PDB file of all heavy atoms in Angstrom:
ATOM      1  N   ALA A   1       4.920  -1.189   0.697  1.00  0.00           N
ATOM      2  CA  ALA A   1       3.535  -1.352   0.838  1.00  0.00           C
ATOM      3  C   ALA A   1       2.693  -0.887  -0.451  1.00  0.00           C
ATOM      4  O   ALA A   1       1.864  -1.635  -0.909  1.00  0.00           O
ATOM      5  CB  ALA A   1       3.047  -0.606   2.036  1.00  0.00           C
ATOM      6  N   GLY A   2       3.046   0.245  -0.970  1.00  0.00           N
ATOM      7  CA  GLY A   2       2.311   0.806  -2.018  1.00  0.00           C
ATOM      8  C   GLY A   2       2.668  -0.008  -3.328  1.00  0.00           C
ATOM      9  O   GLY A   2       1.719  -0.321  -4.115  1.00  0.00           O
ATOM     10  N   GLY A   3       3.811  -0.346  -3.576  1.00  0.00           N
ATOM     11  CA  GLY A   3       4.285  -0.946  -4.673  1.00  0.00           C
ATOM     12  C   GLY A   3       3.676  -2.533  -4.806  1.00  0.00           C
ATOM     13  O   GLY A   3       3.114  -2.798  -5.777  1.00  0.00           O
ATOM     14  N   PHE A   4       3.739  -3.236  -3.755  1.00  0.00           N
ATOM     15  CA  PHE A   4       3.179  -4.606  -3.746  1.00  0.00           C
ATOM     16  C   PHE A   4       1.638  -4.550  -3.943  1.00  0.00           C
ATOM     17  O   PHE A   4       1.032  -5.428  -4.680  1.00  0.00           O
ATOM     18  CB  PHE A   4       3.580  -5.323  -2.549  1.00  0.00           C
ATOM     19  CG  PHE A   4       5.026  -5.735  -2.523  1.00  0.00           C
ATOM     20  CD1 PHE A   4       5.764  -5.665  -1.360  1.00  0.00           C
ATOM     21  CD2 PHE A   4       5.662  -6.327  -3.602  1.00  0.00           C
ATOM     22  CE1 PHE A   4       7.127  -6.073  -1.350  1.00  0.00           C
ATOM     23  CE2 PHE A   4       6.896  -6.637  -3.640  1.00  0.00           C
ATOM     24  CZ  PHE A   4       7.712  -6.567  -2.461  1.00  0.00           C
ATOM     25  N   CYS A   5       1.049  -3.612  -3.361  1.00  0.00           N
ATOM     26  CA  CYS A   5      -0.444  -3.446  -3.485  1.00  0.00           C
ATOM     27  C   CYS A   5      -0.813  -3.135  -4.976  1.00  0.00           C
ATOM     28  O   CYS A   5      -1.722  -3.707  -5.513  1.00  0.00           O
ATOM     29  CB  CYS A   5      -1.030  -2.405  -2.573  1.00  0.00           C
ATOM     30  SG  CYS A   5      -2.766  -2.280  -2.561  1.00  0.00           S
ATOM     31  N   ALA A   6      -0.041  -2.223  -5.583  1.00  0.00           N
ATOM     32  CA  ALA A   6      -0.310  -1.851  -6.908  1.00  0.00           C
ATOM     33  C   ALA A   6       0.015  -2.997  -7.912  1.00  0.00           C
ATOM     34  O   ALA A   6      -0.723  -3.258  -8.782  1.00  0.00           O
ATOM     35  CB  ALA A   6       0.596  -0.671  -7.340  1.00  0.00           C
ATOM     36  N   LEU A   7       1.058  -3.735  -7.611  1.00  0.00           N
ATOM     37  CA  LEU A   7       1.326  -4.930  -8.527  1.00  0.00           C
ATOM     38  C   LEU A   7       0.256  -5.983  -8.308  1.00  0.00           C
ATOM     39  O   LEU A   7      -0.202  -6.594  -9.370  1.00  0.00           O
ATOM     40  CB  LEU A   7       2.689  -5.589  -8.002  1.00  0.00           C
ATOM     41  CG  LEU A   7       3.922  -4.821  -8.422  1.00  0.00           C
ATOM     42  CD1 LEU A   7       5.178  -5.447  -7.660  1.00  0.00           C
ATOM     43  CD2 LEU A   7       4.128  -4.784  -9.940  1.00  0.00           C
ATOM     44  N   TRP A   8      -0.242  -6.128  -7.174  1.00  0.00           N
ATOM     45  CA  TRP A   8      -1.462  -7.077  -6.932  1.00  0.00           C
ATOM     46  C   TRP A   8      -2.582  -6.636  -7.725  1.00  0.00           C
ATOM     47  O   TRP A   8      -3.268  -7.586  -8.436  1.00  0.00           O
ATOM     48  CB  TRP A   8      -1.763  -7.321  -5.475  1.00  0.00           C
ATOM     49  CG  TRP A   8      -3.057  -7.933  -5.126  1.00  0.00           C
ATOM     50  CD1 TRP A   8      -3.507  -9.051  -5.566  1.00  0.00           C
ATOM     51  CD2 TRP A   8      -3.944  -7.384  -4.301  1.00  0.00           C
ATOM     52  NE1 TRP A   8      -4.821  -9.306  -5.141  1.00  0.00           N
ATOM     53  CE2 TRP A   8      -5.158  -8.364  -4.358  1.00  0.00           C
ATOM     54  CE3 TRP A   8      -4.171  -6.231  -3.530  1.00  0.00           C
ATOM     55  CZ2 TRP A   8      -6.350  -8.105  -3.606  1.00  0.00           C
ATOM     56  CZ3 TRP A   8      -5.319  -6.097  -2.812  1.00  0.00           C
ATOM     57  CH2 TRP A   8      -6.395  -7.032  -2.799  1.00  0.00           C
ATOM     58  N   LEU A   9      -2.985  -5.400  -7.714  1.00  0.00           N
ATOM     59  CA  LEU A   9      -4.206  -4.909  -8.416  1.00  0.00           C
ATOM     60  C   LEU A   9      -3.923  -4.973  -9.817  1.00  0.00           C
ATOM     61  O   LEU A   9      -4.955  -5.189 -10.699  1.00  0.00           O
ATOM     62  CB  LEU A   9      -4.456  -3.443  -7.943  1.00  0.00           C
ATOM     63  CG  LEU A   9      -4.893  -3.271  -6.493  1.00  0.00           C
ATOM     64  CD1 LEU A   9      -4.978  -1.807  -6.036  1.00  0.00           C
ATOM     65  CD2 LEU A   9      -6.176  -4.069  -6.228  1.00  0.00           C
ATOM     66  N   ARG A  10      -2.800  -4.722 -10.298  1.00  0.00           N
ATOM     67  CA  ARG A  10      -2.534  -4.912 -11.723  1.00  0.00           C
ATOM     68  C   ARG A  10      -2.614  -6.236 -12.250  1.00  0.00           C
ATOM     69  O   ARG A  10      -3.077  -6.468 -13.290  1.00  0.00           O
ATOM     70  CB  ARG A  10      -1.073  -4.284 -12.078  1.00  0.00           C
ATOM     71  CG  ARG A  10      -1.004  -2.783 -12.079  1.00  0.00           C
ATOM     72  CD  ARG A  10      -1.705  -2.184 -13.126  1.00  0.00           C
ATOM     73  NE  ARG A  10      -1.087  -2.382 -14.456  1.00  0.00           N
ATOM     74  CZ  ARG A  10      -1.680  -2.143 -15.622  1.00  0.00           C
ATOM     75  NH1 ARG A  10      -2.904  -1.750 -15.767  1.00  0.00           N
ATOM     76  NH2 ARG A  10      -0.986  -2.387 -16.747  1.00  0.00           N
ATOM     77  N   GLU A  11      -2.203  -7.260 -11.337  1.00  0.00           N
ATOM     78  CA  GLU A  11      -2.316  -8.634 -11.639  1.00  0.00           C
ATOM     79  C   GLU A  11      -3.891  -9.040 -11.837  1.00  0.00           C
ATOM     80  O   GLU A  11      -4.207  -9.944 -12.589  1.00  0.00           O
ATOM     81  CB  GLU A  11      -1.702  -9.477 -10.686  1.00  0.00           C
ATOM     82  CG  GLU A  11      -1.269 -10.986 -11.088  1.00  0.00           C
ATOM     83  CD  GLU A  11      -0.268 -10.976 -12.201  1.00  0.00           C
ATOM     84  OE1 GLU A  11       0.560 -10.019 -12.259  1.00  0.00           O
ATOM     85  OE2 GLU A  11      -0.346 -11.909 -12.964  1.00  0.00           O
ATOM     86  N   LEU A  12      -4.688  -8.221 -11.193  1.00  0.00           N
ATOM     87  CA  LEU A  12      -6.197  -8.526 -11.257  1.00  0.00           C
ATOM     88  C   LEU A  12      -6.732  -7.722 -12.488  1.00  0.00           C
ATOM     89  O   LEU A  12      -8.056  -7.680 -12.625  1.00  0.00           O
ATOM     90  CB  LEU A  12      -6.839  -8.021  -9.997  1.00  0.00           C
ATOM     91  CG  LEU A  12      -6.497  -8.786  -8.765  1.00  0.00           C
ATOM     92  CD1 LEU A  12      -7.104  -8.182  -7.497  1.00  0.00           C
ATOM     93  CD2 LEU A  12      -7.054 -10.206  -8.788  1.00  0.00           C
ATOM     94  N   ARG A  13      -5.949  -7.217 -13.279  1.00  0.00           N
ATOM     95  CA  ARG A  13      -6.277  -6.480 -14.590  1.00  0.00           C
ATOM     96  C   ARG A  13      -7.005  -5.210 -14.198  1.00  0.00           C
ATOM     97  O   ARG A  13      -7.745  -4.655 -15.022  1.00  0.00           O
ATOM     98  CB  ARG A  13      -7.287  -7.344 -15.347  1.00  0.00           C
ATOM     99  CG  ARG A  13      -6.701  -8.710 -15.644  1.00  0.00           C
ATOM    100  CD  ARG A  13      -5.816  -8.787 -16.801  1.00  0.00           C
ATOM    101  NE  ARG A  13      -5.137 -10.003 -17.049  1.00  0.00           N
ATOM    102  CZ  ARG A  13      -5.737 -11.179 -17.376  1.00  0.00           C
ATOM    103  NH1 ARG A  13      -6.956 -11.241 -17.660  1.00  0.00           N
ATOM    104  NH2 ARG A  13      -5.003 -12.284 -17.488  1.00  0.00           N
ATOM    105  N   VAL A  14      -6.639  -4.606 -13.002  1.00  0.00           N
ATOM    106  CA  VAL A  14      -7.190  -3.218 -12.745  1.00  0.00           C
ATOM    107  C   VAL A  14      -6.336  -2.323 -13.552  1.00  0.00           C
ATOM    108  O   VAL A  14      -5.136  -2.380 -13.747  1.00  0.00           O
ATOM    109  CB  VAL A  14      -7.028  -2.967 -11.194  1.00  0.00           C
ATOM    110  CG1 VAL A  14      -7.396  -1.499 -10.779  1.00  0.00           C
ATOM    111  CG2 VAL A  14      -7.896  -3.978 -10.424  1.00  0.00           C
ATOM    112  N   ARG A  15      -6.939  -1.190 -13.926  1.00  0.00           N
ATOM    113  CA  ARG A  15      -6.207  -0.131 -14.766  1.00  0.00           C
ATOM    114  C   ARG A  15      -5.094   0.407 -13.963  1.00  0.00           C
ATOM    115  O   ARG A  15      -5.140   0.524 -12.718  1.00  0.00           O
ATOM    116  CB  ARG A  15      -7.231   0.942 -15.223  1.00  0.00           C
ATOM    117  CG  ARG A  15      -8.241   0.430 -16.191  1.00  0.00           C
ATOM    118  CD  ARG A  15      -9.120   1.566 -16.680  1.00  0.00           C
ATOM    119  NE  ARG A  15     -10.023   1.162 -17.843  1.00  0.00           N
ATOM    120  CZ  ARG A  15     -10.958   1.911 -18.358  1.00  0.00           C
ATOM    121  NH1 ARG A  15     -11.091   3.214 -18.071  1.00  0.00           N
ATOM    122  NH2 ARG A  15     -11.788   1.374 -19.291  1.00  0.00           N
ATOM    123  N   ARG A  16      -4.188   0.881 -14.707  1.00  0.00           N
ATOM    124  CA  ARG A  16      -2.914   1.433 -14.049  1.00  0.00           C
ATOM    125  C   ARG A  16      -3.111   2.485 -13.008  1.00  0.00           C
ATOM    126  O   ARG A  16      -2.694   2.549 -11.846  1.00  0.00           O
ATOM    127  CB  ARG A  16      -1.939   1.920 -15.039  1.00  0.00           C
ATOM    128  CG  ARG A  16      -0.480   2.229 -14.580  1.00  0.00           C
ATOM    129  CD  ARG A  16       0.350   2.842 -15.681  1.00  0.00           C
ATOM    130  NE  ARG A  16       0.532   1.860 -16.695  1.00  0.00           N
ATOM    131  CZ  ARG A  16       1.295   0.812 -16.810  1.00  0.00           C
ATOM    132  NH1 ARG A  16       2.076   0.525 -15.862  1.00  0.00           N
ATOM    133  NH2 ARG A  16       1.389   0.062 -17.947  1.00  0.00           N
ATOM    134  N   GLY A  17      -3.945   3.496 -13.497  1.00  0.00           N
ATOM    135  CA  GLY A  17      -4.229   4.571 -12.495  1.00  0.00           C
ATOM    136  C   GLY A  17      -5.044   4.189 -11.285  1.00  0.00           C
ATOM    137  O   GLY A  17      -4.632   4.663 -10.176  1.00  0.00           O
ATOM    138  N   ALA A  18      -5.926   3.304 -11.505  1.00  0.00           N
ATOM    139  CA  ALA A  18      -6.660   2.847 -10.278  1.00  0.00           C
ATOM    140  C   ALA A  18      -5.785   1.915  -9.427  1.00  0.00           C
ATOM    141  O   ALA A  18      -5.799   2.010  -8.088  1.00  0.00           O
ATOM    142  CB  ALA A  18      -7.886   1.970 -10.729  1.00  0.00           C
ATOM    143  N   ALA A  19      -4.755   1.172  -9.998  1.00  0.00           N
ATOM    144  CA  ALA A  19      -3.866   0.337  -9.184  1.00  0.00           C
ATOM    145  C   ALA A  19      -2.991   1.200  -8.329  1.00  0.00           C
ATOM    146  O   ALA A  19      -2.715   0.985  -7.194  1.00  0.00           O
ATOM    147  CB  ALA A  19      -3.132  -0.622 -10.158  1.00  0.00           C
ATOM    148  N   LEU A  20      -2.426   2.369  -9.009  1.00  0.00           N
ATOM    149  CA  LEU A  20      -1.555   3.210  -8.256  1.00  0.00           C
ATOM    150  C   LEU A  20      -2.284   3.941  -7.174  1.00  0.00           C
ATOM    151  O   LEU A  20      -1.787   4.116  -6.070  1.00  0.00           O
ATOM    152  CB  LEU A  20      -1.096   4.278  -9.291  1.00  0.00           C
ATOM    153  CG  LEU A  20      -0.007   3.849 -10.320  1.00  0.00           C
ATOM    154  CD1 LEU A  20       0.242   4.953 -11.372  1.00  0.00           C
ATOM    155  CD2 LEU A  20       1.159   3.301  -9.593  1.00  0.00           C
ATOM    156  N   ALA A  21      -3.657   4.224  -7.364  1.00  0.00           N
ATOM    157  CA  ALA A  21      -4.399   4.921  -6.355  1.00  0.00           C
ATOM    158  C   ALA A  21      -4.675   3.853  -5.119  1.00  0.00           C
ATOM    159  O   ALA A  21      -4.610   4.155  -3.994  1.00  0.00           O
ATOM    160  CB  ALA A  21      -5.722   5.349  -6.969  1.00  0.00           C
ATOM    161  N   GLY A  22      -4.864   2.703  -5.514  1.00  0.00           N
ATOM    162  CA  GLY A  22      -5.083   1.555  -4.548  1.00  0.00           C
ATOM    163  C   GLY A  22      -3.819   1.338  -3.736  1.00  0.00           C
ATOM    164  O   GLY A  22      -3.854   1.331  -2.421  1.00  0.00           O
ATOM    165  N   GLY A  23      -2.657   1.405  -4.300  1.00  0.00           N
ATOM    166  CA  GLY A  23      -1.457   1.313  -3.499  1.00  0.00           C
ATOM    167  C   GLY A  23      -1.169   2.486  -2.668  1.00  0.00           C
ATOM    168  O   GLY A  23      -0.637   2.464  -1.504  1.00  0.00           O
ATOM    169  N   LEU A  24      -1.567   3.725  -3.163  1.00  0.00           N
ATOM    170  CA  LEU A  24      -1.447   4.947  -2.410  1.00  0.00           C
ATOM    171  C   LEU A  24      -2.312   4.879  -1.152  1.00  0.00           C
ATOM    172  O   LEU A  24      -1.896   5.255  -0.040  1.00  0.00           O
ATOM    173  CB  LEU A  24      -1.755   6.035  -3.230  1.00  0.00           C
ATOM    174  CG  LEU A  24      -1.431   7.470  -2.715  1.00  0.00           C
ATOM    175  CD1 LEU A  24       0.005   7.644  -2.530  1.00  0.00           C
ATOM    176  CD2 LEU A  24      -1.972   8.570  -3.553  1.00  0.00           C
ATOM    177  N   ALA A  25      -3.560   4.359  -1.340  1.00  0.00           N
ATOM    178  CA  ALA A  25      -4.381   4.299  -0.162  1.00  0.00           C
ATOM    179  C   ALA A  25      -3.875   3.321   0.841  1.00  0.00           C
ATOM    180  O   ALA A  25      -3.938   3.568   2.163  1.00  0.00           O
ATOM    181  CB  ALA A  25      -5.873   3.897  -0.580  1.00  0.00           C
ATOM    182  N   PHE A  26      -3.293   2.208   0.394  1.00  0.00           N
ATOM    183  CA  PHE A  26      -2.767   1.218   1.294  1.00  0.00           C
ATOM    184  C   PHE A  26      -1.577   1.746   2.071  1.00  0.00           C
ATOM    185  O   PHE A  26      -1.400   1.648   3.337  1.00  0.00           O
ATOM    186  CB  PHE A  26      -2.455  -0.030   0.645  1.00  0.00           C
ATOM    187  CG  PHE A  26      -1.934  -1.151   1.501  1.00  0.00           C
ATOM    188  CD1 PHE A  26      -2.743  -1.777   2.463  1.00  0.00           C
ATOM    189  CD2 PHE A  26      -0.565  -1.510   1.445  1.00  0.00           C
ATOM    190  CE1 PHE A  26      -2.358  -2.845   3.287  1.00  0.00           C
ATOM    191  CE2 PHE A  26      -0.158  -2.576   2.333  1.00  0.00           C
ATOM    192  CZ  PHE A  26      -0.980  -3.233   3.198  1.00  0.00           C
ATOM    193  N   CYS A  27      -0.568   2.347   1.359  1.00  0.00           N
ATOM    194  CA  CYS A  27       0.616   2.769   2.033  1.00  0.00           C
ATOM    195  C   CYS A  27       0.406   4.017   2.967  1.00  0.00           C
ATOM    196  O   CYS A  27       1.214   4.253   3.945  1.00  0.00           O
ATOM    197  CB  CYS A  27       1.754   3.013   1.044  1.00  0.00           C
ATOM    198  SG  CYS A  27       1.681   4.643   0.186  1.00  0.00           S
ATOM    199  N   LEU A  28      -0.640   4.821   2.688  1.00  0.00           N
ATOM    200  CA  LEU A  28      -0.862   5.964   3.590  1.00  0.00           C
ATOM    201  C   LEU A  28      -2.064   5.668   4.607  1.00  0.00           C
ATOM    202  O   LEU A  28      -2.538   6.561   5.276  1.00  0.00           O
ATOM    203  CB  LEU A  28      -1.365   7.108   2.700  1.00  0.00           C
ATOM    204  CG  LEU A  28      -0.244   7.766   1.980  1.00  0.00           C
ATOM    205  CD1 LEU A  28      -0.842   8.917   1.148  1.00  0.00           C
ATOM    206  CD2 LEU A  28       0.888   8.269   2.882  1.00  0.00           C
ATOM    207  N   ALA A  29      -2.392   4.385   4.741  1.00  0.00           N
ATOM    208  CA  ALA A  29      -3.495   3.946   5.664  1.00  0.00           C
ATOM    209  C   ALA A  29      -2.994   4.306   7.156  1.00  0.00           C
ATOM    210  O   ALA A  29      -1.830   4.213   7.377  1.00  0.00           O
ATOM    211  CB  ALA A  29      -3.801   2.590   5.645  1.00  0.00           C
ATOM    212  N   PRO A  30      -3.787   4.910   7.983  1.00  0.00           N
ATOM    213  CA  PRO A  30      -3.409   5.310   9.198  1.00  0.00           C
ATOM    214  C   PRO A  30      -2.732   4.158  10.053  1.00  0.00           C
ATOM    215  O   PRO A  30      -1.777   4.417  10.764  1.00  0.00           O
ATOM    216  CB  PRO A  30      -4.708   5.742   9.946  1.00  0.00           C
ATOM    217  CG  PRO A  30      -5.593   6.189   8.926  1.00  0.00           C
ATOM    218  CD  PRO A  30      -5.245   5.279   7.671  1.00  0.00           C
ATOM    219  N   TYR A  31      -3.120   2.960   9.839  1.00  0.00           N
ATOM    220  CA  TYR A  31      -2.505   1.771  10.514  1.00  0.00           C
ATOM    221  C   TYR A  31      -1.060   1.652  10.151  1.00  0.00           C
ATOM    222  O   TYR A  31      -0.202   1.534  11.044  1.00  0.00           O
ATOM    223  CB  TYR A  31      -3.371   0.572  10.242  1.00  0.00           C
ATOM    224  CG  TYR A  31      -2.609  -0.762  10.730  1.00  0.00           C
ATOM    225  CD1 TYR A  31      -2.922  -1.184  11.941  1.00  0.00           C
ATOM    226  CD2 TYR A  31      -1.859  -1.526   9.889  1.00  0.00           C
ATOM    227  CE1 TYR A  31      -2.271  -2.381  12.417  1.00  0.00           C
ATOM    228  CE2 TYR A  31      -1.268  -2.731  10.301  1.00  0.00           C
ATOM    229  CZ  TYR A  31      -1.552  -3.162  11.552  1.00  0.00           C
ATOM    230  OH  TYR A  31      -0.966  -4.234  12.114  1.00  0.00           O
ATOM    231  N   LEU A  32      -0.799   1.617   8.883  1.00  0.00           N
ATOM    232  CA  LEU A  32       0.489   1.390   8.451  1.00  0.00           C
ATOM    233  C   LEU A  32       1.487   2.585   8.760  1.00  0.00           C
ATOM    234  O   LEU A  32       2.499   2.530   9.164  1.00  0.00           O
ATOM    235  CB  LEU A  32       0.564   1.048   6.900  1.00  0.00           C
ATOM    236  CG  LEU A  32       1.840   0.490   6.256  1.00  0.00           C
ATOM    237  CD1 LEU A  32       1.578  -0.403   5.203  1.00  0.00           C
ATOM    238  CD2 LEU A  32       2.627   1.615   5.811  1.00  0.00           C
ATOM    239  N   ALA A  33       0.904   3.811   8.446  1.00  0.00           N
ATOM    240  CA  ALA A  33       1.682   5.025   8.545  1.00  0.00           C
ATOM    241  C   ALA A  33       1.944   5.269  10.118  1.00  0.00           C
ATOM    242  O   ALA A  33       3.122   5.579  10.472  1.00  0.00           O
ATOM    243  CB  ALA A  33       0.953   6.265   8.066  1.00  0.00           C
ATOM    244  N   GLY A  34       1.067   4.884  10.889  1.00  0.00           N
ATOM    245  CA  GLY A  34       1.260   5.152  12.438  1.00  0.00           C
ATOM    246  C   GLY A  34       2.278   4.242  12.890  1.00  0.00           C
ATOM    247  O   GLY A  34       3.056   4.441  13.718  1.00  0.00           O
ATOM    248  N   GLN A  35       2.245   2.870  12.400  1.00  0.00           N
ATOM    249  CA  GLN A  35       3.205   1.915  12.966  1.00  0.00           C
ATOM    250  C   GLN A  35       4.566   2.233  12.492  1.00  0.00           C
ATOM    251  O   GLN A  35       5.555   2.072  13.059  1.00  0.00           O
ATOM    252  CB  GLN A  35       2.845   0.516  12.383  1.00  0.00           C
ATOM    253  CG  GLN A  35       1.511  -0.046  12.875  1.00  0.00           C
ATOM    254  CD  GLN A  35       1.514  -0.435  14.323  1.00  0.00           C
ATOM    255  OE1 GLN A  35       2.613  -0.496  14.880  1.00  0.00           O
ATOM    256  NE2 GLN A  35       0.269  -0.513  14.975  1.00  0.00           N
ATOM    257  N   ALA A  36       4.798   2.764  11.173  1.00  0.00           N
ATOM    258  CA  ALA A  36       6.127   3.188  10.749  1.00  0.00           C
ATOM    259  C   ALA A  36       6.579   4.398  11.447  1.00  0.00           C
ATOM    260  O   ALA A  36       7.758   4.466  11.947  1.00  0.00           O
ATOM    261  CB  ALA A  36       5.968   3.591   9.194  1.00  0.00           C
ATOM    262  N   SER A  37       5.673   5.353  11.865  1.00  0.00           N
ATOM    263  CA  SER A  37       6.180   6.465  12.691  1.00  0.00           C
ATOM    264  C   SER A  37       6.583   6.112  14.108  1.00  0.00           C
ATOM    265  O   SER A  37       7.480   6.673  14.655  1.00  0.00           O
ATOM    266  CB  SER A  37       4.988   7.552  12.693  1.00  0.00           C
ATOM    267  OG  SER A  37       4.796   7.968  11.384  1.00  0.00           O
ATOM    268  N   ALA A  38       5.961   5.034  14.656  1.00  0.00           N
ATOM    269  CA  ALA A  38       6.344   4.631  15.879  1.00  0.00           C
ATOM    270  C   ALA A  38       7.462   3.595  15.922  1.00  0.00           C
ATOM    271  O   ALA A  38       7.959   3.295  17.013  1.00  0.00           O
ATOM    272  CB  ALA A  38       5.131   3.888  16.578  1.00  0.00           C
ATOM    273  N   GLY A  39       7.907   3.164  14.817  1.00  0.00           N
ATOM    274  CA  GLY A  39       9.079   2.323  14.633  1.00  0.00           C
ATOM    275  C   GLY A  39       8.827   0.930  14.946  1.00  0.00           C
ATOM    276  O   GLY A  39       9.602   0.103  15.396  1.00  0.00           O
ATOM    277  N   HIS A  40       7.616   0.623  14.608  1.00  0.00           N
ATOM    278  CA  HIS A  40       7.153  -0.834  14.836  1.00  0.00           C
ATOM    279  C   HIS A  40       7.392  -1.712  13.507  1.00  0.00           C
ATOM    280  O   HIS A  40       6.968  -1.179  12.363  1.00  0.00           O
ATOM    281  CB  HIS A  40       5.649  -0.977  15.184  1.00  0.00           C
ATOM    282  CG  HIS A  40       5.446  -0.306  16.507  1.00  0.00           C
ATOM    283  ND1 HIS A  40       4.141   0.091  17.000  1.00  0.00           N
ATOM    284  CD2 HIS A  40       6.181  -0.030  17.596  1.00  0.00           C
ATOM    285  CE1 HIS A  40       4.196   0.620  18.110  1.00  0.00           C
ATOM    286  NE2 HIS A  40       5.436   0.525  18.521  1.00  0.00           N
ATOM    287  N   LEU A  41       7.789  -2.867  13.669  1.00  0.00           N
ATOM    288  CA  LEU A  41       8.000  -3.837  12.509  1.00  0.00           C
ATOM    289  C   LEU A  41       6.646  -4.046  11.701  1.00  0.00           C
ATOM    290  O   LEU A  41       6.764  -4.494  10.590  1.00  0.00           O
ATOM    291  CB  LEU A  41       8.720  -5.082  12.899  1.00  0.00           C
ATOM    292  CG  LEU A  41      10.233  -5.011  12.975  1.00  0.00           C
ATOM    293  CD1 LEU A  41      10.764  -6.282  13.627  1.00  0.00           C
ATOM    294  CD2 LEU A  41      10.860  -4.784  11.635  1.00  0.00           C
ATOM    295  N   LEU A  42       5.529  -3.842  12.417  1.00  0.00           N
ATOM    296  CA  LEU A  42       4.265  -4.124  11.743  1.00  0.00           C
ATOM    297  C   LEU A  42       4.157  -3.258  10.433  1.00  0.00           C
ATOM    298  O   LEU A  42       3.568  -3.796   9.466  1.00  0.00           O
ATOM    299  CB  LEU A  42       3.214  -3.763  12.726  1.00  0.00           C
ATOM    300  CG  LEU A  42       2.654  -4.778  13.562  1.00  0.00           C
ATOM    301  CD1 LEU A  42       1.583  -4.213  14.673  1.00  0.00           C
ATOM    302  CD2 LEU A  42       1.899  -5.868  12.861  1.00  0.00           C
ATOM    303  N   ALA A  43       4.825  -2.177  10.464  1.00  0.00           N
ATOM    304  CA  ALA A  43       4.675  -1.340   9.172  1.00  0.00           C
ATOM    305  C   ALA A  43       5.336  -2.036   7.977  1.00  0.00           C
ATOM    306  O   ALA A  43       4.790  -1.819   6.861  1.00  0.00           O
ATOM    307  CB  ALA A  43       5.435   0.027   9.407  1.00  0.00           C
ATOM    308  N   TRP A  44       6.461  -2.634   8.107  1.00  0.00           N
ATOM    309  CA  TRP A  44       7.027  -3.400   7.043  1.00  0.00           C
ATOM    310  C   TRP A  44       6.482  -4.855   6.880  1.00  0.00           C
ATOM    311  O   TRP A  44       6.353  -5.116   5.826  1.00  0.00           O
ATOM    312  CB  TRP A  44       8.568  -3.563   7.489  1.00  0.00           C
ATOM    313  CG  TRP A  44       9.236  -2.174   7.475  1.00  0.00           C
ATOM    314  CD1 TRP A  44       9.879  -1.644   6.380  1.00  0.00           C
ATOM    315  CD2 TRP A  44       9.414  -1.264   8.573  1.00  0.00           C
ATOM    316  NE1 TRP A  44      10.325  -0.359   6.829  1.00  0.00           N
ATOM    317  CE2 TRP A  44      10.039  -0.110   8.129  1.00  0.00           C
ATOM    318  CE3 TRP A  44       8.883  -1.311   9.882  1.00  0.00           C
ATOM    319  CZ2 TRP A  44      10.310   0.957   9.022  1.00  0.00           C
ATOM    320  CZ3 TRP A  44       9.291  -0.237  10.754  1.00  0.00           C
ATOM    321  CH2 TRP A  44       9.877   0.856  10.250  1.00  0.00           C
ATOM    322  N   VAL A  45       6.155  -5.493   8.015  1.00  0.00           N
ATOM    323  CA  VAL A  45       5.436  -6.757   7.875  1.00  0.00           C
ATOM    324  C   VAL A  45       4.159  -6.740   7.079  1.00  0.00           C
ATOM    325  O   VAL A  45       3.833  -7.612   6.344  1.00  0.00           O
ATOM    326  CB  VAL A  45       5.444  -7.502   9.238  1.00  0.00           C
ATOM    327  CG1 VAL A  45       4.626  -8.725   9.112  1.00  0.00           C
ATOM    328  CG2 VAL A  45       6.758  -7.733   9.788  1.00  0.00           C
TER     329      VAL A  45
END
């Protein structure tokens, strides 16, 4: 989740640090983290 989000932001010419931060925000979003903790495929999808 974090890696693909960062790659997308980098493709938009976002600076590396900001892209890494964006990926971090996405992979730690309560929605995604909660689904992973519950064992739901939504976290991976």
